[in-house]
Amino acid sequence: MARRTARIRNNTAQATRPKRGRAAWLILTALVAGVAGGIFARRAAVPAGNSQPGKRAATEPVGTNTPDVLLPRTEPVEISTRMRPGEWTEESLQAHIEDYRRQIRNMGATDAEIVTNVERTEEGAARVVVSWNRTGL
């Protein structure tokens, strides 16, 4: 029986002693995760082929960030809002319309291509839609 007790004591002593190398393994894992996270963050923050800010890569075509590339020329552009009764006056409504028209003009539309639509309800609400008809008139 003494022998069995000795084994139990021996096993409990091994179970309470920290395993060697576990702390080093955790530190190494944390370092690897930190490096991988830094690489991911850099790739997400800097576009591909543009590793240095302000310098253009030789293979990158000029003007890739222009709106012509992002939207097809036939796709309409629209700015709209809905205002509840009491939220607007005729003056503020006209100011909204002019602001939306100015924003679309800044995108490259001519005055002939800008279409404005204002709907008023019986309850006093208003819906304003200013759009750029890019397909032609």
N, C-alpha and C. Protein backbone atom coordinates (compact mmCIF):
# COMPACT_ATOMS: atom_id res chain seq x y z
N MET A 1 0.80 -1.19 0.00
CA MET A 1 0.00 0.00 0.00
C MET A 1 0.84 1.26 0.00
N ALA A 2 1.98 1.19 0.62
CA ALA A 2 2.84 2.37 0.64
C ALA A 2 3.26 2.74 -0.77
N ARG A 3 3.43 1.74 -1.54
CA ARG A 3 3.85 1.99 -2.91
C ARG A 3 2.78 2.77 -3.67
N ARG A 4 1.52 2.42 -3.49
CA ARG A 4 0.45 3.12 -4.18
C ARG A 4 0.36 4.58 -3.73
N THR A 5 0.54 4.85 -2.48
CA THR A 5 0.53 6.21 -1.97
C THR A 5 1.68 7.01 -2.57
N ALA A 6 2.81 6.37 -2.71
CA ALA A 6 3.97 7.05 -3.28
C ALA A 6 3.69 7.47 -4.71
N ARG A 7 3.02 6.64 -5.45
CA ARG A 7 2.69 7.00 -6.83
C ARG A 7 1.74 8.17 -6.87
N ILE A 8 0.77 8.18 -6.02
CA ILE A 8 -0.19 9.28 -6.01
C ILE A 8 0.53 10.59 -5.70
N ARG A 9 1.40 10.55 -4.71
CA ARG A 9 2.16 11.77 -4.39
C ARG A 9 3.03 12.19 -5.57
N ASN A 10 3.64 11.24 -6.21
CA ASN A 10 4.50 11.55 -7.34
C ASN A 10 3.68 12.17 -8.48
N ASN A 11 2.52 11.61 -8.77
CA ASN A 11 1.67 12.13 -9.84
C ASN A 11 1.14 13.53 -9.51
N THR A 12 0.79 13.76 -8.25
CA THR A 12 0.29 15.08 -7.90
C THR A 12 1.40 16.11 -7.97
N ALA A 13 2.60 15.72 -7.66
CA ALA A 13 3.72 16.65 -7.74
C ALA A 13 3.98 17.04 -9.19
N GLN A 14 3.86 16.09 -10.10
CA GLN A 14 4.05 16.40 -11.51
C GLN A 14 2.91 17.25 -12.06
N ALA A 15 1.71 17.03 -11.60
CA ALA A 15 0.56 17.78 -12.10
C ALA A 15 0.61 19.24 -11.66
N THR A 16 1.14 19.52 -10.46
CA THR A 16 1.18 20.90 -9.98
C THR A 16 2.37 21.67 -10.51
N ARG A 17 3.40 20.99 -10.96
CA ARG A 17 4.58 21.68 -11.48
C ARG A 17 4.27 22.20 -12.89
N PRO A 18 4.57 23.46 -13.18
CA PRO A 18 4.29 23.98 -14.53
C PRO A 18 5.13 23.27 -15.57
N LYS A 19 4.53 23.06 -16.73
CA LYS A 19 5.25 22.38 -17.80
C LYS A 19 6.25 23.33 -18.42
N ARG A 20 7.41 22.81 -18.70
CA ARG A 20 8.47 23.64 -19.25
C ARG A 20 8.17 23.98 -20.70
N GLY A 21 8.42 25.20 -21.08
CA GLY A 21 8.26 25.60 -22.47
C GLY A 21 6.90 26.19 -22.79
N ARG A 22 5.93 26.09 -21.91
CA ARG A 22 4.59 26.59 -22.20
C ARG A 22 4.60 28.12 -22.34
N ALA A 23 5.29 28.82 -21.46
CA ALA A 23 5.36 30.28 -21.51
C ALA A 23 6.05 30.72 -22.80
N ALA A 24 7.14 30.04 -23.15
CA ALA A 24 7.84 30.39 -24.39
C ALA A 24 6.95 30.15 -25.60
N TRP A 25 6.19 29.09 -25.59
CA TRP A 25 5.28 28.78 -26.69
C TRP A 25 4.20 29.85 -26.81
N LEU A 26 3.64 30.30 -25.70
CA LEU A 26 2.62 31.34 -25.74
C LEU A 26 3.18 32.66 -26.25
N ILE A 27 4.38 33.02 -25.82
CA ILE A 27 5.02 34.25 -26.30
C ILE A 27 5.29 34.17 -27.79
N LEU A 28 5.79 33.04 -28.26
CA LEU A 28 6.05 32.86 -29.68
C LEU A 28 4.77 32.96 -30.50
N THR A 29 3.70 32.34 -30.02
CA THR A 29 2.42 32.40 -30.72
C THR A 29 1.90 33.83 -30.79
N ALA A 30 2.03 34.59 -29.71
CA ALA A 30 1.59 35.98 -29.70
C ALA A 30 2.39 36.83 -30.68
N LEU A 31 3.69 36.59 -30.75
CA LEU A 31 4.52 37.33 -31.70
C LEU A 31 4.14 37.05 -33.14
N VAL A 32 3.91 35.78 -33.46
CA VAL A 32 3.52 35.42 -34.81
C VAL A 32 2.17 36.04 -35.16
N ALA A 33 1.24 36.01 -34.23
CA ALA A 33 -0.08 36.61 -34.49
C ALA A 33 0.04 38.12 -34.67
N GLY A 34 0.90 38.77 -33.90
CA GLY A 34 1.09 40.21 -34.04
C GLY A 34 1.69 40.58 -35.38
N VAL A 35 2.67 39.82 -35.84
CA VAL A 35 3.28 40.08 -37.14
C VAL A 35 2.26 39.87 -38.25
N ALA A 36 1.51 38.79 -38.17
CA ALA A 36 0.49 38.52 -39.19
C ALA A 36 -0.57 39.62 -39.20
N GLY A 37 -0.97 40.08 -38.05
CA GLY A 37 -1.95 41.17 -37.98
C GLY A 37 -1.41 42.45 -38.56
N GLY A 38 -0.13 42.73 -38.33
CA GLY A 38 0.48 43.93 -38.91
C GLY A 38 0.55 43.86 -40.42
N ILE A 39 0.87 42.70 -40.96
CA ILE A 39 0.91 42.54 -42.41
C ILE A 39 -0.48 42.72 -42.99
N PHE A 40 -1.49 42.14 -42.37
CA PHE A 40 -2.86 42.29 -42.86
C PHE A 40 -3.29 43.75 -42.82
N ALA A 41 -2.98 44.44 -41.72
CA ALA A 41 -3.38 45.85 -41.60
C ALA A 41 -2.71 46.70 -42.66
N ARG A 42 -1.46 46.43 -42.97
CA ARG A 42 -0.77 47.21 -44.00
C ARG A 42 -1.37 46.95 -45.36
N ARG A 43 -1.69 45.70 -45.66
CA ARG A 43 -2.31 45.39 -46.95
C ARG A 43 -3.69 46.00 -47.08
N ALA A 44 -4.42 46.08 -45.99
CA ALA A 44 -5.75 46.68 -46.03
C ALA A 44 -5.66 48.19 -46.16
N ALA A 45 -4.63 48.81 -45.60
CA ALA A 45 -4.51 50.26 -45.61
C ALA A 45 -3.89 50.79 -46.89
N VAL A 46 -2.97 50.06 -47.50
CA VAL A 46 -2.27 50.52 -48.69
C VAL A 46 -2.74 49.69 -49.88
N PRO A 47 -3.23 50.34 -50.96
CA PRO A 47 -3.67 49.58 -52.13
C PRO A 47 -2.52 48.79 -52.74
N ALA A 48 -2.86 47.72 -53.42
CA ALA A 48 -1.86 46.86 -54.03
C ALA A 48 -1.06 47.64 -55.07
N GLY A 49 0.24 47.44 -55.08
CA GLY A 49 1.10 48.08 -56.05
C GLY A 49 1.49 49.49 -55.68
N ASN A 50 1.04 49.99 -54.56
CA ASN A 50 1.36 51.35 -54.14
C ASN A 50 1.95 51.29 -52.74
N SER A 51 3.14 50.71 -52.63
CA SER A 51 3.71 50.45 -51.33
C SER A 51 4.20 51.71 -50.64
N GLN A 52 4.54 52.76 -51.39
CA GLN A 52 5.00 54.00 -50.79
C GLN A 52 3.98 55.09 -51.10
N PRO A 53 3.50 55.80 -50.07
CA PRO A 53 2.53 56.86 -50.33
C PRO A 53 3.12 57.94 -51.22
N GLY A 54 2.33 58.40 -52.16
CA GLY A 54 2.78 59.47 -53.04
C GLY A 54 3.49 59.00 -54.28
N LYS A 55 3.89 57.73 -54.35
CA LYS A 55 4.58 57.21 -55.53
C LYS A 55 3.68 56.21 -56.23
N ARG A 56 3.59 56.33 -57.53
CA ARG A 56 2.74 55.46 -58.34
C ARG A 56 3.57 54.29 -58.86
N ALA A 57 3.01 53.11 -58.79
CA ALA A 57 3.71 51.93 -59.31
C ALA A 57 3.78 52.01 -60.83
N ALA A 58 4.80 51.42 -61.42
CA ALA A 58 4.99 51.51 -62.86
C ALA A 58 3.91 50.76 -63.62
N THR A 59 3.33 49.71 -63.03
CA THR A 59 2.31 48.92 -63.72
C THR A 59 0.91 49.46 -63.54
N GLU A 60 0.71 50.42 -62.63
CA GLU A 60 -0.63 50.93 -62.37
C GLU A 60 -1.01 51.93 -63.45
N PRO A 61 -2.16 51.72 -64.13
CA PRO A 61 -2.57 52.67 -65.16
C PRO A 61 -2.95 54.01 -64.54
N VAL A 62 -2.74 55.05 -65.29
CA VAL A 62 -3.05 56.40 -64.82
C VAL A 62 -4.56 56.58 -64.78
N GLY A 63 -5.07 57.18 -63.69
CA GLY A 63 -6.49 57.50 -63.60
C GLY A 63 -7.38 56.34 -63.21
N THR A 64 -6.91 55.38 -62.43
CA THR A 64 -7.75 54.25 -62.07
C THR A 64 -8.78 54.61 -61.02
N ASN A 65 -8.61 55.73 -60.32
CA ASN A 65 -9.55 56.11 -59.28
C ASN A 65 -10.59 57.11 -59.76
N THR A 66 -10.72 57.30 -61.05
CA THR A 66 -11.69 58.25 -61.57
C THR A 66 -13.08 57.64 -61.54
N PRO A 67 -14.11 58.47 -61.42
CA PRO A 67 -15.48 57.95 -61.40
C PRO A 67 -15.86 57.20 -62.66
N ASP A 68 -15.21 57.49 -63.81
CA ASP A 68 -15.54 56.77 -65.05
C ASP A 68 -15.28 55.29 -64.91
N VAL A 69 -14.26 54.92 -64.16
CA VAL A 69 -13.92 53.52 -63.97
C VAL A 69 -14.87 52.88 -62.96
N LEU A 70 -15.28 53.64 -61.94
CA LEU A 70 -16.11 53.09 -60.88
C LEU A 70 -17.55 52.87 -61.32
N LEU A 71 -18.11 53.80 -62.08
CA LEU A 71 -19.49 53.68 -62.54
C LEU A 71 -19.55 53.71 -64.06
N PRO A 72 -20.34 52.83 -64.64
CA PRO A 72 -20.51 52.92 -66.09
C PRO A 72 -21.20 54.24 -66.45
N ARG A 73 -20.91 54.76 -67.61
CA ARG A 73 -21.47 56.04 -68.02
C ARG A 73 -22.98 56.00 -68.18
N THR A 74 -23.57 54.84 -68.33
CA THR A 74 -25.02 54.76 -68.51
C THR A 74 -25.77 54.68 -67.18
N GLU A 75 -25.07 54.49 -66.09
CA GLU A 75 -25.70 54.34 -64.77
C GLU A 75 -26.15 55.71 -64.25
N PRO A 76 -27.43 55.86 -63.88
CA PRO A 76 -27.89 57.16 -63.36
C PRO A 76 -27.36 57.41 -61.95
N VAL A 77 -27.24 58.68 -61.59
CA VAL A 77 -26.83 59.10 -60.26
C VAL A 77 -28.03 59.82 -59.65
N GLU A 78 -28.33 59.52 -58.36
CA GLU A 78 -29.50 60.11 -57.73
C GLU A 78 -29.20 60.49 -56.30
N ILE A 79 -29.65 61.68 -55.90
CA ILE A 79 -29.60 62.12 -54.52
C ILE A 79 -31.03 62.42 -54.12
N SER A 80 -31.49 61.82 -53.02
CA SER A 80 -32.88 62.02 -52.63
C SER A 80 -33.02 62.11 -51.12
N THR A 81 -34.13 62.68 -50.70
CA THR A 81 -34.45 62.75 -49.28
C THR A 81 -35.96 62.84 -49.12
N ARG A 82 -36.42 62.46 -47.94
CA ARG A 82 -37.83 62.60 -47.57
C ARG A 82 -37.89 63.43 -46.30
N MET A 83 -38.77 64.42 -46.30
CA MET A 83 -38.90 65.30 -45.13
C MET A 83 -40.33 65.20 -44.61
N ARG A 84 -40.43 65.03 -43.29
CA ARG A 84 -41.74 64.91 -42.66
C ARG A 84 -42.42 66.27 -42.53
N PRO A 85 -43.69 66.26 -42.28
CA PRO A 85 -44.40 67.54 -42.10
C PRO A 85 -43.79 68.34 -40.95
N GLY A 86 -43.57 69.62 -41.18
CA GLY A 86 -43.01 70.49 -40.17
C GLY A 86 -41.49 70.54 -40.17
N GLU A 87 -40.81 69.67 -40.92
CA GLU A 87 -39.35 69.66 -40.97
C GLU A 87 -38.80 70.62 -42.02
N TRP A 88 -39.66 71.16 -42.87
CA TRP A 88 -39.16 71.96 -43.97
C TRP A 88 -40.08 73.14 -44.23
N THR A 89 -39.49 74.16 -44.85
CA THR A 89 -40.23 75.30 -45.37
C THR A 89 -39.90 75.39 -46.85
N GLU A 90 -40.58 76.27 -47.57
CA GLU A 90 -40.28 76.41 -49.00
C GLU A 90 -38.84 76.86 -49.23
N GLU A 91 -38.35 77.74 -48.33
CA GLU A 91 -36.97 78.22 -48.47
C GLU A 91 -35.96 77.08 -48.23
N SER A 92 -36.19 76.28 -47.18
CA SER A 92 -35.26 75.19 -46.90
C SER A 92 -35.35 74.11 -47.97
N LEU A 93 -36.54 73.91 -48.54
CA LEU A 93 -36.70 72.95 -49.62
C LEU A 93 -35.89 73.38 -50.84
N GLN A 94 -35.97 74.67 -51.19
CA GLN A 94 -35.20 75.17 -52.33
C GLN A 94 -33.69 75.09 -52.06
N ALA A 95 -33.29 75.31 -50.79
CA ALA A 95 -31.88 75.20 -50.44
C ALA A 95 -31.39 73.75 -50.60
N HIS A 96 -32.23 72.78 -50.19
CA HIS A 96 -31.88 71.36 -50.39
C HIS A 96 -31.72 71.05 -51.87
N ILE A 97 -32.65 71.51 -52.67
CA ILE A 97 -32.61 71.23 -54.11
C ILE A 97 -31.35 71.82 -54.73
N GLU A 98 -31.03 73.06 -54.40
CA GLU A 98 -29.82 73.70 -54.95
C GLU A 98 -28.55 72.99 -54.48
N ASP A 99 -28.52 72.53 -53.23
CA ASP A 99 -27.36 71.81 -52.73
C ASP A 99 -27.19 70.49 -53.48
N TYR A 100 -28.28 69.76 -53.70
CA TYR A 100 -28.20 68.49 -54.43
C TYR A 100 -27.78 68.73 -55.89
N ARG A 101 -28.31 69.77 -56.51
CA ARG A 101 -27.94 70.09 -57.90
C ARG A 101 -26.45 70.44 -57.98
N ARG A 102 -25.93 71.19 -56.98
CA ARG A 102 -24.52 71.56 -56.95
C ARG A 102 -23.65 70.31 -56.80
N GLN A 103 -24.07 69.38 -55.95
CA GLN A 103 -23.29 68.15 -55.76
C GLN A 103 -23.21 67.35 -57.07
N ILE A 104 -24.31 67.27 -57.79
CA ILE A 104 -24.31 66.52 -59.05
C ILE A 104 -23.51 67.27 -60.11
N ARG A 105 -23.57 68.60 -60.13
CA ARG A 105 -22.74 69.38 -61.05
C ARG A 105 -21.26 69.13 -60.78
N ASN A 106 -20.89 69.02 -59.51
CA ASN A 106 -19.49 68.74 -59.15
C ASN A 106 -19.04 67.36 -59.63
N MET A 107 -19.98 66.47 -59.86
CA MET A 107 -19.65 65.14 -60.38
C MET A 107 -19.44 65.16 -61.89
N GLY A 108 -19.82 66.27 -62.54
CA GLY A 108 -19.58 66.39 -63.97
C GLY A 108 -20.83 66.54 -64.82
N ALA A 109 -21.98 66.68 -64.22
CA ALA A 109 -23.22 66.81 -64.99
C ALA A 109 -23.40 68.24 -65.49
N THR A 110 -24.03 68.35 -66.64
CA THR A 110 -24.43 69.67 -67.12
C THR A 110 -25.84 69.96 -66.62
N ASP A 111 -26.25 71.23 -66.68
CA ASP A 111 -27.59 71.59 -66.20
C ASP A 111 -28.69 70.88 -66.99
N ALA A 112 -28.45 70.59 -68.27
CA ALA A 112 -29.45 69.91 -69.10
C ALA A 112 -29.63 68.45 -68.68
N GLU A 113 -28.61 67.85 -68.05
CA GLU A 113 -28.69 66.44 -67.65
C GLU A 113 -29.26 66.25 -66.26
N ILE A 114 -29.45 67.32 -65.50
CA ILE A 114 -29.95 67.21 -64.13
C ILE A 114 -31.47 67.27 -64.14
N VAL A 115 -32.09 66.27 -63.53
CA VAL A 115 -33.55 66.17 -63.45
C VAL A 115 -33.95 66.31 -61.98
N THR A 116 -34.89 67.23 -61.70
CA THR A 116 -35.35 67.47 -60.34
C THR A 116 -36.82 67.09 -60.24
N ASN A 117 -37.16 66.33 -59.19
CA ASN A 117 -38.54 65.93 -58.97
C ASN A 117 -38.87 66.16 -57.50
N VAL A 118 -39.93 66.94 -57.23
CA VAL A 118 -40.38 67.22 -55.87
C VAL A 118 -41.83 66.76 -55.75
N GLU A 119 -42.09 65.89 -54.80
CA GLU A 119 -43.46 65.42 -54.54
C GLU A 119 -43.87 65.88 -53.15
N ARG A 120 -45.05 66.49 -53.06
CA ARG A 120 -45.59 66.92 -51.76
C ARG A 120 -46.83 66.09 -51.47
N THR A 121 -46.96 65.64 -50.23
CA THR A 121 -48.15 64.86 -49.85
C THR A 121 -49.19 65.78 -49.22
N GLU A 122 -50.40 65.27 -49.05
CA GLU A 122 -51.47 66.05 -48.43
C GLU A 122 -51.19 66.33 -46.96
N GLU A 123 -50.44 65.44 -46.31
CA GLU A 123 -50.12 65.61 -44.89
C GLU A 123 -49.04 66.67 -44.66
N GLY A 124 -48.34 67.10 -45.72
CA GLY A 124 -47.32 68.12 -45.57
C GLY A 124 -45.90 67.61 -45.68
N ALA A 125 -45.72 66.35 -46.04
CA ALA A 125 -44.38 65.81 -46.23
C ALA A 125 -43.90 66.13 -47.65
N ALA A 126 -42.61 66.02 -47.85
CA ALA A 126 -42.05 66.28 -49.18
C ALA A 126 -40.98 65.24 -49.49
N ARG A 127 -40.90 64.87 -50.75
CA ARG A 127 -39.88 63.95 -51.22
C ARG A 127 -39.16 64.64 -52.37
N VAL A 128 -37.82 64.78 -52.23
CA VAL A 128 -37.01 65.47 -53.22
C VAL A 128 -36.07 64.46 -53.87
N VAL A 129 -36.07 64.44 -55.20
CA VAL A 129 -35.17 63.56 -55.96
C VAL A 129 -34.49 64.42 -57.02
N VAL A 130 -33.17 64.48 -56.94
CA VAL A 130 -32.37 65.16 -57.96
C VAL A 130 -31.47 64.11 -58.58
N SER A 131 -31.56 63.93 -59.88
CA SER A 131 -30.80 62.86 -60.52
C SER A 131 -30.08 63.37 -61.76
N TRP A 132 -29.03 62.63 -62.10
CA TRP A 132 -28.23 62.91 -63.30
C TRP A 132 -28.56 61.85 -64.31
N ASN A 133 -29.24 62.25 -65.37
CA ASN A 133 -29.61 61.33 -66.43
C ASN A 133 -28.40 61.19 -67.36
N ARG A 134 -27.60 60.17 -67.12
CA ARG A 134 -26.35 60.00 -67.88
C ARG A 134 -26.56 59.30 -69.21
N THR A 135 -27.75 58.81 -69.48
CA THR A 135 -27.98 58.10 -70.73
C THR A 135 -28.24 59.06 -71.88
N GLY A 136 -28.41 60.32 -71.60
CA GLY A 136 -28.71 61.31 -72.62
C GLY A 136 -30.19 61.62 -72.65
N LEU A 137 -30.50 62.76 -73.19
CA LEU A 137 -31.90 63.21 -73.20
C LEU A 137 -32.58 62.91 -74.50
